Amino acid sequence: MESTLLFVVEDAFQLSGIGCTLVPGPSMDFGIDVRPGDALRLELPNGNQMDTQVAGLVSIRRTNARTLERCH
C-alpha cells in the first residue's frame, strides 16, 4: 500500500453509533480526496502499523462569536 501522511492523530475517542473517531482528521488543504472505503494505514506510537479502512467522515466546523450571534 502506498503511504501518504494525511494527519497526525491528536486524539481518538468512541462516538455512540459511529465508532472510533480520529481527530483532527485529514485536511482538505492537501488536495487528497478521502472517501468511505478507502484504505488507511495507521502508524502507532510504538512503531507498529495497522491497515484498516475509512468507515465514514465527520466534519465539525469551528465557529467564531460572530457566527454564534447569527444563530440566536
C-alpha atoms as a PDB file:
ATOM      1  CA  MET A   1       0.000   0.000   0.000  1.00  0.00           C
ATOM      2  CA  GLU A   2       1.344   3.440  -0.911  1.00  0.00           C
ATOM      3  CA  SER A   3       1.630   5.617   2.209  1.00  0.00           C
ATOM      4  CA  THR A   4       0.830   9.336   2.297  1.00  0.00           C
ATOM      5  CA  LEU A   5       0.806  11.212   5.593  1.00  0.00           C
ATOM      6  CA  LEU A   6      -2.666  12.746   5.910  1.00  0.00           C
ATOM      7  CA  PHE A   7      -2.507  13.918   9.526  1.00  0.00           C
ATOM      8  CA  VAL A   8      -1.072  13.198  12.946  1.00  0.00           C
ATOM      9  CA  VAL A   9      -3.715  11.874  15.336  1.00  0.00           C
ATOM     10  CA  GLU A  10      -4.037  14.179  18.324  1.00  0.00           C
ATOM     11  CA  ASP A  11      -6.894  12.294  19.970  1.00  0.00           C
ATOM     12  CA  ALA A  12      -9.097   9.249  19.445  1.00  0.00           C
ATOM     13  CA  PHE A  13     -12.437   8.513  21.036  1.00  0.00           C
ATOM     14  CA  GLN A  14     -15.629   6.498  20.572  1.00  0.00           C
ATOM     15  CA  LEU A  15     -18.834   8.142  19.354  1.00  0.00           C
ATOM     16  CA  SER A  16     -22.022   6.213  20.019  1.00  0.00           C
ATOM     17  CA  GLY A  17     -23.388   4.833  16.757  1.00  0.00           C
ATOM     18  CA  ILE A  18     -20.289   5.913  14.813  1.00  0.00           C
ATOM     19  CA  GLY A  19     -17.303   4.134  16.359  1.00  0.00           C
ATOM     20  CA  CYS A  20     -13.665   5.131  16.708  1.00  0.00           C
ATOM     21  CA  THR A  21     -13.083   8.744  15.721  1.00  0.00           C
ATOM     22  CA  LEU A  22      -9.639  10.161  14.980  1.00  0.00           C
ATOM     23  CA  VAL A  23      -9.013  13.891  15.265  1.00  0.00           C
ATOM     24  CA  PRO A  24      -8.194  16.301  13.757  1.00  0.00           C
ATOM     25  CA  GLY A  25      -8.799  14.228  10.613  1.00  0.00           C
ATOM     26  CA  PRO A  26      -7.395  14.800   7.139  1.00  0.00           C
ATOM     27  CA  SER A  27      -7.081  18.409   5.994  1.00  0.00           C
ATOM     28  CA  MET A  28      -8.669  19.452   2.718  1.00  0.00           C
ATOM     29  CA  ASP A  29      -5.576  21.642   2.193  1.00  0.00           C
ATOM     30  CA  PHE A  30      -3.600  18.633   0.886  1.00  0.00           C
ATOM     31  CA  GLY A  31      -5.934  18.116  -2.072  1.00  0.00           C
ATOM     32  CA  ILE A  32      -6.284  14.417  -1.254  1.00  0.00           C
ATOM     33  CA  ASP A  33      -9.834  13.098  -1.603  1.00  0.00           C
ATOM     34  CA  VAL A  34     -10.588  10.708   1.277  1.00  0.00           C
ATOM     35  CA  ARG A  35     -13.804   8.669   0.994  1.00  0.00           C
ATOM     36  CA  PRO A  36     -15.507   5.883   2.944  1.00  0.00           C
ATOM     37  CA  GLY A  37     -13.982   2.550   1.974  1.00  0.00           C
ATOM     38  CA  ASP A  38     -10.520   3.988   1.229  1.00  0.00           C
ATOM     39  CA  ALA A  39      -7.563   2.051   2.618  1.00  0.00           C
ATOM     40  CA  LEU A  40      -5.892   3.641   5.622  1.00  0.00           C
ATOM     41  CA  ARG A  41      -2.612   2.775   7.328  1.00  0.00           C
ATOM     42  CA  LEU A  42      -2.216   3.880  10.924  1.00  0.00           C
ATOM     43  CA  GLU A  43       1.271   4.243  12.332  1.00  0.00           C
ATOM     44  CA  LEU A  44       1.023   3.631  16.052  1.00  0.00           C
ATOM     45  CA  PRO A  45       3.165   5.296  18.738  1.00  0.00           C
ATOM     46  CA  ASN A  46       5.035   2.011  19.298  1.00  0.00           C
ATOM     47  CA  GLY A  47       6.081   1.951  15.621  1.00  0.00           C
ATOM     48  CA  ASN A  48       3.673  -0.794  14.567  1.00  0.00           C
ATOM     49  CA  GLN A  49       1.412  -0.255  11.574  1.00  0.00           C
ATOM     50  CA  MET A  50      -2.239  -1.217  11.271  1.00  0.00           C
ATOM     51  CA  ASP A  51      -4.088  -1.400   7.944  1.00  0.00           C
ATOM     52  CA  THR A  52      -7.780  -0.551   8.065  1.00  0.00           C
ATOM     53  CA  GLN A  53     -10.292   1.409   6.016  1.00  0.00           C
ATOM     54  CA  VAL A  54     -12.241   4.631   6.334  1.00  0.00           C
ATOM     55  CA  ALA A  55     -15.768   3.839   7.549  1.00  0.00           C
ATOM     56  CA  GLY A  56     -17.008   7.423   7.293  1.00  0.00           C
ATOM     57  CA  LEU A  57     -16.073  11.045   7.745  1.00  0.00           C
ATOM     58  CA  VAL A  58     -17.428  13.535  10.246  1.00  0.00           C
ATOM     59  CA  SER A  59     -16.705  17.223   9.752  1.00  0.00           C
ATOM     60  CA  ILE A  60     -17.159  19.756  12.518  1.00  0.00           C
ATOM     61  CA  ARG A  61     -16.548  23.357  11.612  1.00  0.00           C
ATOM     62  CA  ARG A  62     -15.195  25.757  14.183  1.00  0.00           C
ATOM     63  CA  THR A  63     -17.335  28.822  14.704  1.00  0.00           C
ATOM     64  CA  ASN A  64     -16.494  32.270  15.915  1.00  0.00           C
ATOM     65  CA  ALA A  65     -18.528  34.624  18.109  1.00  0.00           C
ATOM     66  CA  ARG A  66     -19.988  36.424  15.103  1.00  0.00           C
ATOM     67  CA  THR A  67     -21.347  33.166  13.658  1.00  0.00           C
ATOM     68  CA  LEU A  68     -22.861  32.236  17.017  1.00  0.00           C
ATOM     69  CA  GLU A  69     -24.633  35.614  17.209  1.00  0.00           C
ATOM     70  CA  ARG A  70     -26.405  34.873  13.904  1.00  0.00           C
ATOM     71  CA  CYS A  71     -27.636  31.539  15.287  1.00  0.00           C
ATOM     72  CA  HIS A  72     -29.631  33.130  18.112  1.00  0.00           C
END
